[in-house]
C-alpha atoms as a PDB file:
ATOM      1  CA  MET A   1     -48.150  36.486 -44.627  1.00  0.00           C
ATOM      2  CA  GLU A   2     -47.576  38.892 -47.517  1.00  0.00           C
ATOM      3  CA  THR A   3     -50.921  40.515 -46.750  1.00  0.00           C
ATOM      4  CA  PHE A   4     -49.688  41.451 -43.292  1.00  0.00           C
ATOM      5  CA  ILE A   5     -46.338  42.667 -44.599  1.00  0.00           C
ATOM      6  CA  TYR A   6     -47.574  44.754 -47.525  1.00  0.00           C
ATOM      7  CA  GLY A   7     -51.129  45.519 -46.358  1.00  0.00           C
ATOM      8  CA  GLY A   8     -50.287  48.891 -44.894  1.00  0.00           C
ATOM      9  CA  THR A   9     -51.645  50.545 -41.783  1.00  0.00           C
ATOM     10  CA  LYS A  10     -55.290  49.646 -42.429  1.00  0.00           C
ATOM     11  CA  ILE A  11     -54.635  45.929 -41.959  1.00  0.00           C
ATOM     12  CA  TRP A  12     -52.776  46.653 -38.715  1.00  0.00           C
ATOM     13  CA  ILE A  13     -55.672  48.731 -37.413  1.00  0.00           C
ATOM     14  CA  HIS A  14     -58.104  45.897 -38.131  1.00  0.00           C
ATOM     15  CA  LEU A  15     -55.781  43.356 -36.552  1.00  0.00           C
ATOM     16  CA  SER A  16     -55.393  45.568 -33.513  1.00  0.00           C
ATOM     17  CA  LEU A  17     -59.166  45.774 -33.134  1.00  0.00           C
ATOM     18  CA  LEU A  18     -59.514  42.005 -33.544  1.00  0.00           C
ATOM     19  CA  TYR A  19     -56.797  41.195 -31.007  1.00  0.00           C
ATOM     20  CA  THR A  20     -58.150  43.751 -28.529  1.00  0.00           C
ATOM     21  CA  PHE A  21     -61.596  42.193 -28.828  1.00  0.00           C
ATOM     22  CA  CYS A  22     -60.157  38.690 -28.357  1.00  0.00           C
ATOM     23  CA  ILE A  23     -58.301  39.690 -25.201  1.00  0.00           C
ATOM     24  CA  LYS A  24     -61.121  41.743 -23.657  1.00  0.00           C
ATOM     25  CA  GLN A  25     -63.805  39.139 -24.376  1.00  0.00           C
ATOM     26  CA  CYS A  26     -61.572  36.126 -23.581  1.00  0.00           C
ATOM     27  CA  PHE A  27     -62.504  34.678 -26.951  1.00  0.00           C
ATOM     28  CA  VAL A  28     -60.316  33.255 -29.678  1.00  0.00           C
ATOM     29  CA  PRO A  29     -61.775  32.392 -33.106  1.00  0.00           C
ATOM     30  CA  ALA A  30     -61.779  28.686 -33.940  1.00  0.00           C
ATOM     31  CA  HIS A  31     -59.470  29.089 -36.926  1.00  0.00           C
ATOM     32  CA  PHE A  32     -56.775  30.433 -34.586  1.00  0.00           C
ATOM     33  CA  MET A  33     -56.500  26.917 -33.184  1.00  0.00           C
ATOM     34  CA  ASP A  34     -56.017  25.225 -36.562  1.00  0.00           C
ATOM     35  CA  ILE A  35     -52.498  23.855 -36.953  1.00  0.00           C
ATOM     36  CA  ASN A  36     -50.787  21.345 -39.187  1.00  0.00           C
ATOM     37  CA  ILE A  37     -48.310  18.981 -37.571  1.00  0.00           C
ATOM     38  CA  ILE A  38     -45.564  17.968 -39.953  1.00  0.00           C
ATOM     39  CA  PRO A  39     -43.071  15.201 -39.131  1.00  0.00           C
ATOM     40  CA  VAL A  40     -39.464  16.111 -39.896  1.00  0.00           C
ATOM     41  CA  ILE A  41     -36.624  13.594 -40.034  1.00  0.00           C
ATOM     42  CA  LYS A  42     -33.912  14.253 -37.431  1.00  0.00           C
ATOM     43  CA  ASN A  43     -31.170  12.163 -39.019  1.00  0.00           C
ATOM     44  CA  LYS A  44     -31.528  11.862 -42.805  1.00  0.00           C
ATOM     45  CA  GLY A  45     -28.984   9.071 -42.920  1.00  0.00           C
ATOM     46  CA  GLY A  46     -30.786   7.132 -40.194  1.00  0.00           C
ATOM     47  CA  ASP A  47     -33.628   4.631 -40.297  1.00  0.00           C
ATOM     48  CA  LYS A  48     -36.704   6.311 -41.778  1.00  0.00           C
ATOM     49  CA  THR A  49     -38.992   3.644 -40.331  1.00  0.00           C
ATOM     50  CA  ASP A  50     -37.881   4.401 -36.754  1.00  0.00           C
ATOM     51  CA  ILE A  51     -40.420   6.648 -35.007  1.00  0.00           C
ATOM     52  CA  ASN A  52     -37.690   8.130 -32.765  1.00  0.00           C
ATOM     53  CA  ASN A  53     -35.977   9.550 -35.875  1.00  0.00           C
ATOM     54  CA  TYR A  54     -38.754  12.125 -36.303  1.00  0.00           C
ATOM     55  CA  ARG A  55     -39.723  15.334 -34.564  1.00  0.00           C
ATOM     56  CA  ALA A  56     -42.976  17.267 -34.949  1.00  0.00           C
ATOM     57  CA  ILE A  57     -43.241  20.783 -36.311  1.00  0.00           C
ATOM     58  CA  ALA A  58     -46.508  22.674 -35.735  1.00  0.00           C
ATOM     59  CA  VAL A  59     -47.394  25.170 -38.461  1.00  0.00           C
ATOM     60  CA  SER A  60     -50.112  27.689 -37.598  1.00  0.00           C
ATOM     61  CA  ASN A  61     -51.796  30.624 -39.316  1.00  0.00           C
ATOM     62  CA  ALA A  62     -49.975  33.926 -39.759  1.00  0.00           C
ATOM     63  CA  ASP A  63     -52.527  35.883 -37.721  1.00  0.00           C
ATOM     64  CA  THR A  64     -52.157  33.374 -34.892  1.00  0.00           C
ATOM     65  CA  LYS A  65     -48.388  33.765 -34.934  1.00  0.00           C
ATOM     66  CA  ILE A  66     -48.712  37.550 -34.732  1.00  0.00           C
ATOM     67  CA  LEU A  67     -51.017  37.255 -31.712  1.00  0.00           C
ATOM     68  CA  GLU A  68     -48.624  34.783 -30.060  1.00  0.00           C
ATOM     69  CA  LYS A  69     -45.721  37.184 -30.608  1.00  0.00           C
ATOM     70  CA  LEU A  70     -47.672  40.082 -29.093  1.00  0.00           C
ATOM     71  CA  ILE A  71     -48.612  38.050 -26.033  1.00  0.00           C
ATOM     72  CA  LEU A  72     -45.050  36.773 -25.656  1.00  0.00           C
ATOM     73  CA  THR A  73     -43.612  40.295 -25.576  1.00  0.00           C
ATOM     74  CA  LYS A  74     -46.083  41.269 -22.836  1.00  0.00           C
ATOM     75  CA  VAL A  75     -45.437  38.121 -20.769  1.00  0.00           C
ATOM     76  CA  ASN A  76     -41.648  38.359 -21.061  1.00  0.00           C
ATOM     77  CA  CYS A  77     -41.567  41.609 -19.102  1.00  0.00           C
ATOM     78  CA  TYR A  78     -42.987  39.720 -16.106  1.00  0.00           C
ATOM     79  CA  ILE A  79     -40.707  36.705 -16.447  1.00  0.00           C
ATOM     80  CA  TYR A  80     -37.339  38.492 -16.496  1.00  0.00           C
END
């Protein structure tokens, strides 16, 4: 994530080109779909062996999150 924060305008230009290509060609690179699902305990004082005491958190790549945020801002204008 630090690369995207401190990379400057050149990284944003390259990302813009990549995302534009993805949208125009209806193609998403395979690594955009890679996520890690991490179980998190809901109630730390509860029974840790109970499956209902956990919830799943999906952690994805930083470039995927940026693309999701861009799409969300465009879709929100049609929802509200």
